[in-house]
Amino acid sequence: MRKFGKFEILGAAITTVGLMFLIMNVLAYFDVIPMAGAGFGSAIVSLLMATNGYMIMLFGIASNNAAAAAVAAAAQ
């Protein structure tokens, strides 16, 4: 079974929180839920947070695969 690296877990957590804030801002924009301070600026920050979290997660996946490939090559 494959272990998850720290960057993968951290990236997934940041992405989840960013998407949650983005969804809340969109719902507040359409007056589905009342939320003080919701606006276009906070939606952009939430989108950037989700994107950065996804990039951190991809970095963790790429570095974990590179390490696994190096171990597999050394074992041969």
C-alpha atoms as a PDB file:
ATOM      1  CA  MET A   1       0.000   0.000   0.000  1.00  0.00           C
ATOM      2  CA  ARG A   2       1.307   3.411  -0.922  1.00  0.00           C
ATOM      3  CA  LYS A   3       2.011   5.922   1.807  1.00  0.00           C
ATOM      4  CA  PHE A   4       0.888   9.502   1.432  1.00  0.00           C
ATOM      5  CA  GLY A   5       3.589  12.113   1.814  1.00  0.00           C
ATOM      6  CA  LYS A   6       3.406  15.245   3.912  1.00  0.00           C
ATOM      7  CA  PHE A   7       3.083  17.507   0.879  1.00  0.00           C
ATOM      8  CA  GLU A   8       0.195  15.455  -0.486  1.00  0.00           C
ATOM      9  CA  ILE A   9      -1.727  15.642   2.791  1.00  0.00           C
ATOM     10  CA  LEU A  10      -0.976  19.345   3.274  1.00  0.00           C
ATOM     11  CA  GLY A  11      -1.948  20.163  -0.308  1.00  0.00           C
ATOM     12  CA  ALA A  12      -5.205  18.243  -0.066  1.00  0.00           C
ATOM     13  CA  ALA A  13      -6.090  20.033   3.177  1.00  0.00           C
ATOM     14  CA  ILE A  14      -5.351  23.492   1.754  1.00  0.00           C
ATOM     15  CA  THR A  15      -7.298  22.700  -1.414  1.00  0.00           C
ATOM     16  CA  THR A  16     -10.298  21.511   0.606  1.00  0.00           C
ATOM     17  CA  VAL A  17     -10.347  24.619   2.782  1.00  0.00           C
ATOM     18  CA  GLY A  18      -9.931  26.916  -0.237  1.00  0.00           C
ATOM     19  CA  LEU A  19     -12.776  25.239  -2.110  1.00  0.00           C
ATOM     20  CA  MET A  20     -14.996  25.406   0.967  1.00  0.00           C
ATOM     21  CA  PHE A  21     -14.418  29.161   1.262  1.00  0.00           C
ATOM     22  CA  LEU A  22     -14.980  29.592  -2.475  1.00  0.00           C
ATOM     23  CA  ILE A  23     -18.315  27.756  -2.316  1.00  0.00           C
ATOM     24  CA  MET A  24     -19.369  29.807   0.718  1.00  0.00           C
ATOM     25  CA  ASN A  25     -18.483  33.055  -1.081  1.00  0.00           C
ATOM     26  CA  VAL A  26     -20.466  32.057  -4.168  1.00  0.00           C
ATOM     27  CA  LEU A  27     -23.480  31.128  -2.033  1.00  0.00           C
ATOM     28  CA  ALA A  28     -23.196  34.425  -0.160  1.00  0.00           C
ATOM     29  CA  TYR A  29     -22.928  36.317  -3.454  1.00  0.00           C
ATOM     30  CA  PHE A  30     -26.263  34.833  -4.581  1.00  0.00           C
ATOM     31  CA  ASP A  31     -27.816  35.556  -1.154  1.00  0.00           C
ATOM     32  CA  VAL A  32     -28.330  31.897  -0.336  1.00  0.00           C
ATOM     33  CA  ILE A  33     -26.504  32.283   2.972  1.00  0.00           C
ATOM     34  CA  PRO A  34     -25.836  35.531   4.828  1.00  0.00           C
ATOM     35  CA  MET A  35     -22.118  36.078   5.309  1.00  0.00           C
ATOM     36  CA  ALA A  36     -20.446  39.325   6.316  1.00  0.00           C
ATOM     37  CA  GLY A  37     -17.319  40.215   4.403  1.00  0.00           C
ATOM     38  CA  ALA A  38     -18.062  38.033   1.390  1.00  0.00           C
ATOM     39  CA  GLY A  39     -17.111  39.645  -1.860  1.00  0.00           C
ATOM     40  CA  PHE A  40     -15.167  39.319  -5.057  1.00  0.00           C
ATOM     41  CA  GLY A  41     -11.816  39.828  -3.317  1.00  0.00           C
ATOM     42  CA  SER A  42     -12.338  37.033  -0.828  1.00  0.00           C
ATOM     43  CA  ALA A  43     -13.525  34.726  -3.617  1.00  0.00           C
ATOM     44  CA  ILE A  44     -10.311  35.386  -5.549  1.00  0.00           C
ATOM     45  CA  VAL A  45      -8.217  34.695  -2.450  1.00  0.00           C
ATOM     46  CA  SER A  46     -10.134  31.447  -1.879  1.00  0.00           C
ATOM     47  CA  LEU A  47      -9.573  30.396  -5.478  1.00  0.00           C
ATOM     48  CA  LEU A  48      -5.859  31.155  -5.186  1.00  0.00           C
ATOM     49  CA  MET A  49      -5.717  29.182  -1.947  1.00  0.00           C
ATOM     50  CA  ALA A  50      -7.333  26.166  -3.596  1.00  0.00           C
ATOM     51  CA  THR A  51      -5.006  26.427  -6.596  1.00  0.00           C
ATOM     52  CA  ASN A  52      -1.890  26.682  -4.443  1.00  0.00           C
ATOM     53  CA  GLY A  53      -3.006  23.706  -2.374  1.00  0.00           C
ATOM     54  CA  TYR A  54      -3.480  21.681  -5.543  1.00  0.00           C
ATOM     55  CA  MET A  55       0.007  22.639  -6.736  1.00  0.00           C
ATOM     56  CA  ILE A  56       1.500  21.590  -3.378  1.00  0.00           C
ATOM     57  CA  MET A  57      -0.339  18.273  -3.677  1.00  0.00           C
ATOM     58  CA  LEU A  58       1.001  17.746  -7.211  1.00  0.00           C
ATOM     59  CA  PHE A  59       4.521  18.547  -6.016  1.00  0.00           C
ATOM     60  CA  GLY A  60       4.136  15.906  -3.307  1.00  0.00           C
ATOM     61  CA  ILE A  61       2.917  13.338  -5.823  1.00  0.00           C
ATOM     62  CA  ALA A  62       5.738  14.105  -8.258  1.00  0.00           C
ATOM     63  CA  SER A  63       8.459  14.034  -5.607  1.00  0.00           C
ATOM     64  CA  ASN A  64       7.059  10.840  -4.069  1.00  0.00           C
ATOM     65  CA  ASN A  65       7.035   9.128  -7.471  1.00  0.00           C
ATOM     66  CA  ALA A  66      10.601  10.287  -8.149  1.00  0.00           C
ATOM     67  CA  ALA A  67      11.774   8.886  -4.816  1.00  0.00           C
ATOM     68  CA  ALA A  68       9.979   5.592  -5.468  1.00  0.00           C
ATOM     69  CA  ALA A  69      11.553   5.350  -8.923  1.00  0.00           C
ATOM     70  CA  ALA A  70      15.021   5.971  -7.472  1.00  0.00           C
ATOM     71  CA  VAL A  71      14.512   3.246  -4.854  1.00  0.00           C
ATOM     72  CA  ALA A  72      13.239   0.818  -7.494  1.00  0.00           C
ATOM     73  CA  ALA A  73      16.226   1.560  -9.747  1.00  0.00           C
ATOM     74  CA  ALA A  74      18.662   1.045  -6.864  1.00  0.00           C
ATOM     75  CA  ALA A  75      17.050  -2.286  -5.986  1.00  0.00           C
ATOM     76  CA  GLN A  76      17.743  -3.755  -9.439  1.00  0.00           C
END
